[in-house]
C-alpha atoms as a PDB file:
ATOM      1  CA  MET A   1      77.076 125.549 -38.930  1.00  0.00           C
ATOM      2  CA  SER A   2      76.325 127.620 -35.816  1.00  0.00           C
ATOM      3  CA  TYR A   3      78.310 130.752 -35.203  1.00  0.00           C
ATOM      4  CA  LYS A   4      79.177 131.891 -31.681  1.00  0.00           C
ATOM      5  CA  ILE A   5      78.278 135.458 -30.755  1.00  0.00           C
ATOM      6  CA  TYR A   6      80.604 137.658 -28.744  1.00  0.00           C
ATOM      7  CA  GLU A   7      80.724 141.391 -27.900  1.00  0.00           C
ATOM      8  CA  THR A   8      83.577 143.612 -26.865  1.00  0.00           C
ATOM      9  CA  GLU A   9      83.510 145.270 -23.463  1.00  0.00           C
ATOM     10  CA  GLY A  10      83.095 148.640 -25.124  1.00  0.00           C
ATOM     11  CA  PHE A  11      80.051 147.374 -27.042  1.00  0.00           C
ATOM     12  CA  GLY A  12      78.557 145.951 -23.776  1.00  0.00           C
ATOM     13  CA  GLU A  13      78.955 149.386 -22.166  1.00  0.00           C
ATOM     14  CA  GLU A  14      77.318 151.152 -25.008  1.00  0.00           C
ATOM     15  CA  LYS A  15      74.433 148.624 -25.144  1.00  0.00           C
ATOM     16  CA  ASP A  16      73.776 149.028 -21.405  1.00  0.00           C
ATOM     17  CA  LYS A  17      73.124 152.760 -22.058  1.00  0.00           C
ATOM     18  CA  LEU A  18      70.327 151.909 -24.508  1.00  0.00           C
ATOM     19  CA  GLU A  19      66.662 151.661 -23.728  1.00  0.00           C
ATOM     20  CA  GLY A  20      65.518 148.175 -22.612  1.00  0.00           C
ATOM     21  CA  PHE A  21      63.570 147.451 -25.806  1.00  0.00           C
ATOM     22  CA  GLU A  22      66.607 148.393 -27.988  1.00  0.00           C
ATOM     23  CA  GLN A  23      68.778 146.035 -25.902  1.00  0.00           C
ATOM     24  CA  LYS A  24      66.129 143.225 -26.505  1.00  0.00           C
ATOM     25  CA  ARG A  25      66.150 143.927 -30.282  1.00  0.00           C
ATOM     26  CA  ILE A  26      69.893 143.538 -30.338  1.00  0.00           C
ATOM     27  CA  ASP A  27      69.693 140.333 -28.352  1.00  0.00           C
ATOM     28  CA  LYS A  28      67.037 138.936 -30.754  1.00  0.00           C
ATOM     29  CA  PHE A  29      69.116 139.938 -33.763  1.00  0.00           C
ATOM     30  CA  SER A  30      72.193 138.234 -32.314  1.00  0.00           C
ATOM     31  CA  LEU A  31      70.249 134.961 -32.064  1.00  0.00           C
ATOM     32  CA  LYS A  32      69.485 135.139 -35.770  1.00  0.00           C
ATOM     33  CA  LEU A  33      73.169 135.680 -36.492  1.00  0.00           C
ATOM     34  CA  LYS A  34      74.005 132.313 -34.978  1.00  0.00           C
ATOM     35  CA  GLU A  35      72.611 130.534 -38.089  1.00  0.00           C
ATOM     36  CA  ASN A  36      73.106 133.234 -40.734  1.00  0.00           C
ATOM     37  CA  PRO A  37      75.780 135.805 -39.836  1.00  0.00           C
ATOM     38  CA  TYR A  38      75.493 137.653 -43.100  1.00  0.00           C
ATOM     39  CA  GLN A  39      72.414 139.638 -42.179  1.00  0.00           C
ATOM     40  CA  GLY A  40      72.448 143.477 -42.005  1.00  0.00           C
ATOM     41  CA  ASP A  41      74.079 145.799 -44.479  1.00  0.00           C
ATOM     42  CA  PRO A  42      77.629 145.159 -45.610  1.00  0.00           C
ATOM     43  CA  LEU A  43      80.080 147.975 -45.000  1.00  0.00           C
ATOM     44  CA  ARG A  44      82.872 147.910 -47.656  1.00  0.00           C
ATOM     45  CA  TYR A  45      83.510 144.189 -46.927  1.00  0.00           C
ATOM     46  CA  LYS A  46      81.382 141.119 -46.778  1.00  0.00           C
ATOM     47  CA  TRP A  47      82.521 140.450 -43.151  1.00  0.00           C
ATOM     48  CA  PHE A  48      81.920 143.981 -41.797  1.00  0.00           C
ATOM     49  CA  ARG A  49      78.254 144.768 -41.283  1.00  0.00           C
ATOM     50  CA  GLU A  50      75.739 146.973 -39.614  1.00  0.00           C
ATOM     51  CA  LYS A  51      72.107 146.732 -38.452  1.00  0.00           C
ATOM     52  CA  ARG A  52      69.931 149.674 -37.934  1.00  0.00           C
ATOM     53  CA  ILE A  53      67.816 149.560 -34.820  1.00  0.00           C
ATOM     54  CA  ASN A  54      65.660 152.543 -33.998  1.00  0.00           C
ATOM     55  CA  GLY A  55      68.063 155.190 -35.433  1.00  0.00           C
ATOM     56  CA  LYS A  56      71.105 153.470 -33.928  1.00  0.00           C
ATOM     57  CA  ARG A  57      73.635 151.452 -35.902  1.00  0.00           C
ATOM     58  CA  VAL A  58      75.008 148.247 -34.519  1.00  0.00           C
ATOM     59  CA  TYR A  59      78.407 147.144 -36.022  1.00  0.00           C
ATOM     60  CA  PHE A  60      79.699 143.636 -36.098  1.00  0.00           C
ATOM     61  CA  LEU A  61      82.535 141.556 -37.685  1.00  0.00           C
ATOM     62  CA  ILE A  62      82.128 138.046 -39.040  1.00  0.00           C
ATOM     63  CA  PHE A  63      85.058 135.705 -38.684  1.00  0.00           C
ATOM     64  CA  ASP A  64      84.298 132.660 -40.756  1.00  0.00           C
ATOM     65  CA  ASP A  65      87.561 130.892 -39.814  1.00  0.00           C
ATOM     66  CA  LEU A  66      86.523 131.123 -36.136  1.00  0.00           C
ATOM     67  CA  THR A  67      82.870 130.623 -36.832  1.00  0.00           C
ATOM     68  CA  ALA A  68      82.249 133.664 -34.676  1.00  0.00           C
ATOM     69  CA  VAL A  69      80.587 137.136 -34.832  1.00  0.00           C
ATOM     70  CA  LEU A  70      81.890 139.945 -32.724  1.00  0.00           C
ATOM     71  CA  PHE A  71      79.728 142.979 -31.979  1.00  0.00           C
ATOM     72  CA  VAL A  72      82.037 145.933 -31.764  1.00  0.00           C
ATOM     73  CA  ALA A  73      80.298 149.284 -31.759  1.00  0.00           C
ATOM     74  CA  ILE A  74      77.109 151.264 -31.682  1.00  0.00           C
ATOM     75  CA  SER A  75      76.635 154.776 -33.210  1.00  0.00           C
ATOM     76  CA  ASP A  76      74.110 157.084 -34.503  1.00  0.00           C
ATOM     77  CA  LYS A  77      73.914 158.464 -38.095  1.00  0.00           C
ATOM     78  CA  LYS A  78      75.971 161.598 -37.029  1.00  0.00           C
ATOM     79  CA  THR A  79      78.966 159.523 -36.006  1.00  0.00           C
ATOM     80  CA  GLN A  80      78.637 156.650 -38.409  1.00  0.00           C
ATOM     81  CA  GLN A  81      81.664 157.332 -40.573  1.00  0.00           C
ATOM     82  CA  GLU A  82      83.921 158.024 -37.648  1.00  0.00           C
ATOM     83  CA  THR A  83      82.795 154.700 -36.122  1.00  0.00           C
ATOM     84  CA  ILE A  84      83.331 152.753 -39.282  1.00  0.00           C
ATOM     85  CA  ASP A  85      86.875 154.180 -39.680  1.00  0.00           C
ATOM     86  CA  SER A  86      87.638 153.384 -35.974  1.00  0.00           C
ATOM     87  CA  VAL A  87      86.497 149.818 -36.361  1.00  0.00           C
ATOM     88  CA  LEU A  88      88.532 149.257 -39.504  1.00  0.00           C
ATOM     89  CA  ASN A  89      91.655 150.675 -37.797  1.00  0.00           C
ATOM     90  CA  LYS A  90      91.231 148.190 -34.873  1.00  0.00           C
ATOM     91  CA  LEU A  91      90.718 145.004 -36.892  1.00  0.00           C
ATOM     92  CA  LYS A  92      93.793 143.309 -35.537  1.00  0.00           C
ATOM     93  CA  GLU A  93      92.888 144.269 -31.959  1.00  0.00           C
ATOM     94  CA  PHE A  94      89.412 142.861 -32.439  1.00  0.00           C
ATOM     95  CA  ARG A  95      90.754 139.524 -33.901  1.00  0.00           C
ATOM     96  CA  MET A  96      93.205 139.187 -30.910  1.00  0.00           C
ATOM     97  CA  TYR A  97      90.392 139.960 -28.458  1.00  0.00           C
ATOM     98  CA  LEU A  98      88.132 137.365 -30.003  1.00  0.00           C
ATOM     99  CA  GLU A  99      90.881 134.751 -30.148  1.00  0.00           C
ATOM    100  CA  GLY A 100      91.493 135.255 -26.418  1.00  0.00           C
ATOM    101  CA  LYS A 101      87.757 134.836 -25.699  1.00  0.00           C
ATOM    102  CA  ILE A 102      87.564 131.630 -27.695  1.00  0.00           C
ATOM    103  CA  ASP A 103      90.661 129.847 -26.271  1.00  0.00           C
END
């Protein structure tokens, strides 16, 4: 089963600020997620994960029922906990956003 990969607008803006080689690593990683979305390190839940890329942390959510992965945030180690808490507080918003993209 192949998952579709999406990213929030905020994630896209953060990604655009990264170096070109970091953007390419994220793009390469997202291709791997299509076949196996459960890569990276789990954060409290099986469906909430992060991938470390050159000192940055890329956060994504896995929606098995929608066969989709949604990239939601990028942070550094300093703001990691703040970012994790923010993502968990916006879960409903992220799901609604993704459902709007899929329809």
